[in-house]
Protein backbone atom coordinates (compact mmCIF):
# COMPACT_ATOMS: atom_id res chain seq x y z
CA UNK A 1 64.67 45.02 51.65
CA UNK A 2 65.75 41.66 50.31
CA UNK A 3 62.98 39.94 52.30
CA UNK A 4 60.22 42.43 51.39
CA UNK A 5 60.55 42.02 47.60
CA UNK A 6 59.55 38.31 47.39
CA UNK A 7 56.69 38.94 49.82
CA UNK A 8 55.51 41.87 47.74
CA UNK A 9 55.65 39.82 44.55
CA UNK A 10 53.75 36.99 46.20
CA UNK A 11 51.09 39.46 47.43
CA UNK A 12 50.68 40.92 43.95
CA UNK A 13 50.35 37.39 42.45
CA UNK A 14 47.67 36.48 44.99
CA UNK A 15 45.76 39.70 44.27
CA UNK A 16 45.87 39.03 40.52
CA UNK A 17 44.83 35.44 41.02
CA UNK A 18 41.88 36.52 43.18
CA UNK A 19 40.83 39.08 40.59
CA UNK A 20 41.12 36.48 37.85
CA UNK A 21 38.96 34.04 39.85
CA UNK A 22 36.39 36.76 40.49
CA UNK A 23 36.34 37.65 36.77
CA UNK A 24 35.91 34.02 35.79
CA UNK A 25 33.15 33.50 38.36
CA UNK A 26 31.25 36.53 37.13
CA UNK A 27 31.82 36.24 33.36
CA UNK A 28 32.87 32.72 32.38
CA UNK A 29 31.00 30.50 34.91
CA UNK A 30 27.77 30.30 32.89
CA UNK A 31 29.78 29.32 29.84
CA UNK A 32 31.62 26.73 31.91
CA UNK A 33 28.39 25.37 33.33
CA UNK A 34 26.76 25.26 29.92
CA UNK A 35 29.76 23.43 28.52
CA UNK A 36 29.58 20.84 31.32
CA UNK A 37 25.85 20.42 30.78
CA UNK A 38 26.30 20.11 27.02
CA UNK A 39 29.07 17.56 27.49
CA UNK A 40 26.96 15.56 29.94
CA UNK A 41 23.95 15.66 27.58
CA UNK A 42 26.07 14.56 24.61
CA UNK A 43 27.62 11.79 26.67
CA UNK A 44 24.21 10.64 27.86
CA UNK A 45 22.93 10.62 24.27
CA UNK A 46 25.93 8.57 23.14
CA UNK A 47 25.42 6.17 26.02
CA UNK A 48 21.74 5.76 25.15
CA UNK A 49 22.61 5.02 21.52
CA UNK A 50 25.22 2.52 22.65
CA UNK A 51 22.75 0.85 25.01
CA UNK A 52 20.16 0.62 22.20
CA UNK A 53 22.71 -1.11 20.01
CA UNK A 54 23.70 -3.38 22.89
CA UNK A 55 20.04 -4.23 23.47
CA UNK A 56 19.57 -5.08 19.78
CA UNK A 57 22.64 -7.28 19.83
CA UNK A 58 21.49 -8.90 23.06
CA UNK A 59 18.07 -9.66 21.57
CA UNK A 60 19.72 -11.11 18.46
CA UNK A 61 22.07 -13.24 20.54
CA UNK A 62 19.15 -14.43 22.65
CA UNK A 63 17.18 -15.38 19.55
CA UNK A 64 20.22 -17.11 18.07
CA UNK A 65 20.72 -19.08 21.29
CA UNK A 66 17.08 -20.15 21.31
CA UNK A 67 17.27 -21.12 17.62
CA UNK A 68 20.48 -23.02 18.32
CA UNK A 69 18.74 -24.99 21.09
CA UNK A 70 15.85 -25.81 18.76
CA UNK A 71 18.28 -26.78 16.00
CA UNK A 72 20.24 -29.05 18.32
CA UNK A 73 17.07 -30.63 19.65
CA UNK A 74 15.71 -31.21 16.13
CA UNK A 75 18.68 -31.85 13.89
CA UNK A 76 21.39 -33.27 16.13
CA UNK A 77 19.66 -36.69 16.38
CA UNK A 78 19.27 -36.63 12.61
CA UNK A 79 22.95 -35.87 12.17
CA UNK A 80 23.79 -38.63 14.63
CA UNK A 81 21.58 -41.02 12.67
CA UNK A 82 23.23 -39.98 9.41
CA UNK A 83 26.66 -40.48 10.94
CA UNK A 84 25.67 -43.92 12.25
CA UNK A 85 24.19 -44.84 8.86
CA UNK A 86 27.37 -43.70 7.14
CA UNK A 87 29.49 -45.74 9.55
CA UNK A 88 27.26 -48.78 8.98
CA UNK A 89 27.58 -48.37 5.22
CA UNK A 90 31.34 -48.16 5.56
CA UNK A 91 31.40 -51.37 7.64
CA UNK A 92 29.12 -53.17 5.16
CA UNK A 93 31.24 -51.89 2.28
CA UNK A 94 34.39 -53.24 3.88
CA UNK A 95 32.73 -56.59 4.63
CA UNK A 96 31.39 -56.81 1.05
CA UNK A 97 34.80 -55.97 -0.35
CA UNK A 98 36.41 -58.67 1.79
CA UNK A 99 33.77 -61.17 0.70
CA UNK A 100 34.27 -60.21 -2.97
CA UNK A 101 38.01 -60.57 -2.55
CA UNK A 102 37.64 -64.09 -1.09
CA UNK A 103 35.16 -64.99 -3.83
CA UNK A 104 37.48 -63.74 -6.58
CA UNK A 105 40.42 -65.60 -5.05
CA UNK A 106 38.38 -68.82 -4.86
CA UNK A 107 37.14 -68.34 -8.41
CA UNK A 108 40.66 -67.75 -9.66
CA UNK A 109 41.78 -70.95 -7.95
CA UNK A 110 38.86 -72.89 -9.48
CA UNK A 111 39.62 -71.51 -12.93
CA UNK A 112 43.26 -72.54 -12.56
CA UNK A 113 42.25 -76.03 -11.46
CA UNK A 114 39.78 -76.23 -14.32
CA UNK A 115 42.46 -75.29 -16.83
CA UNK A 116 44.81 -77.86 -15.32
CA UNK A 117 42.46 -80.84 -14.78
CA UNK A 118 38.93 -79.88 -15.67
CA UNK A 119 39.44 -79.63 -19.43
CA UNK A 120 40.86 -83.13 -19.56
CA UNK A 121 38.00 -84.48 -17.45
CA UNK A 122 35.51 -82.61 -19.62
CA UNK A 123 37.03 -84.08 -22.77
CA UNK A 124 36.92 -87.60 -21.31
CA UNK A 125 33.31 -87.10 -20.30
CA UNK A 126 32.38 -85.82 -23.77
CA UNK A 127 34.16 -88.79 -25.36
CA UNK A 128 32.38 -91.25 -23.08
CA UNK A 129 29.02 -89.61 -23.77
CA UNK A 130 29.63 -89.65 -27.51
CA UNK A 131 30.77 -93.30 -27.37
CA UNK A 132 27.65 -94.31 -25.46
CA UNK A 133 25.46 -92.41 -27.89
CA UNK A 134 27.20 -94.11 -30.83
CA UNK A 135 26.82 -97.55 -29.23
CA UNK A 136 23.13 -96.98 -28.53
CA UNK A 137 22.63 -95.65 -32.04
CA UNK A 138 24.44 -98.66 -33.55
CA UNK A 139 22.43 -101.06 -31.44
CA UNK A 140 19.23 -99.26 -32.46
CA UNK A 141 20.17 -99.62 -36.14
CA UNK A 142 20.87 -103.31 -35.61
CA UNK A 143 17.54 -103.85 -33.86
CA UNK A 144 15.75 -101.87 -36.56
CA UNK A 145 17.34 -104.08 -39.20
CA UNK A 146 16.42 -107.24 -37.31
CA UNK A 147 12.87 -106.09 -36.71
CA UNK A 148 12.46 -105.15 -40.35
CA UNK A 149 13.83 -108.52 -41.47
CA UNK A 150 11.60 -110.46 -39.12
CA UNK A 151 8.61 -108.38 -40.01
CA UNK A 152 9.20 -109.15 -43.69
CA UNK A 153 9.70 -112.80 -42.87
CA UNK A 154 6.72 -113.38 -40.55
CA UNK A 155 4.27 -110.74 -41.61
CA UNK A 156 1.71 -113.37 -42.73
CA UNK A 157 1.98 -115.42 -39.54
CA UNK A 158 -0.90 -115.17 -37.10
CA UNK A 159 0.02 -113.64 -33.77
CA UNK A 160 -0.97 -116.74 -31.81
CA UNK A 161 1.39 -118.98 -33.85
CA UNK A 162 4.23 -116.46 -34.24
CA UNK A 163 6.39 -118.02 -31.51
CA UNK A 164 6.13 -121.44 -33.16
CA UNK A 165 7.12 -119.94 -36.49
CA UNK A 166 10.12 -118.29 -34.87
CA UNK A 167 11.20 -121.62 -33.36
CA UNK A 168 10.81 -123.30 -36.74
CA UNK A 169 12.94 -120.64 -38.38
CA UNK A 170 15.64 -121.12 -35.72
CA UNK A 171 15.69 -124.86 -36.38
CA UNK A 172 16.04 -124.29 -40.09
CA UNK A 173 18.83 -121.86 -39.54
CA UNK A 174 20.56 -124.31 -37.21
CA UNK A 175 20.34 -127.15 -39.68
CA UNK A 176 21.48 -124.90 -42.49
CA UNK A 177 24.40 -123.72 -40.46
CA UNK A 178 25.53 -127.24 -39.70
CA UNK A 179 25.67 -127.97 -43.39
CA UNK A 180 23.99 -131.33 -43.40
CA UNK A 181 24.10 -133.22 -46.66
CA UNK A 182 21.75 -135.77 -48.02
CA UNK A 183 18.14 -135.98 -48.53
CA UNK A 184 16.09 -134.35 -45.88
CA UNK A 185 13.25 -136.35 -44.51
CA UNK A 186 9.76 -135.19 -44.91
CA UNK A 187 8.59 -133.16 -41.94
CA UNK A 188 5.06 -132.30 -41.08
CA UNK A 189 4.42 -128.60 -41.33
CA UNK A 190 3.64 -126.62 -38.23
CA UNK A 191 0.19 -125.29 -37.62
CA UNK A 192 1.39 -121.80 -38.49
CA UNK A 193 2.82 -122.95 -41.81
CA UNK A 194 -0.29 -125.03 -42.35
CA UNK A 195 -2.30 -121.94 -41.97
CA UNK A 196 -0.03 -120.14 -44.42
CA UNK A 197 -0.38 -122.95 -47.01
CA UNK A 198 -4.15 -122.82 -46.93
CA UNK A 199 -5.62 -120.55 -49.58
């Protein structure tokens, strides 16, 4: 009896399970099949939507890649040229700054030397120039005075006999300077003075 009870229970469980399978096959199989079909259709629709989005993204990425190639082919050399120009400007700026620094240092040294020695040299040069100008001016005044005196003295003398008249005046001045005393002898007048004595 102890061995028959488990076998009987197992037999009853198998009968119920078979009846349940038969009931499901007859009543619930269309519902099950419809559910599987609906799930497959929904999944296929979702996959198609996903693939459409993937295709759009792929087309966009392809266009972006093509545009990137065009951009690199067109603008990369320009950017390289701009970078080279900027580097050249930086080099020229540094060279110009170094040149300006040397020039300012040299100018500062020249200004210091000018303050130490150049002002004195400039003053000496101005003094020498002024002294020369004063000497020339004084000599010009002296010559002007002499010319005026001689013009007043010999203005009636003919040009051809002017040298003789000048020699005669020198002789008179020499004799007057010596301070001779006594009666001067009679001297014959020069042709120039003879011309002056004639009316």
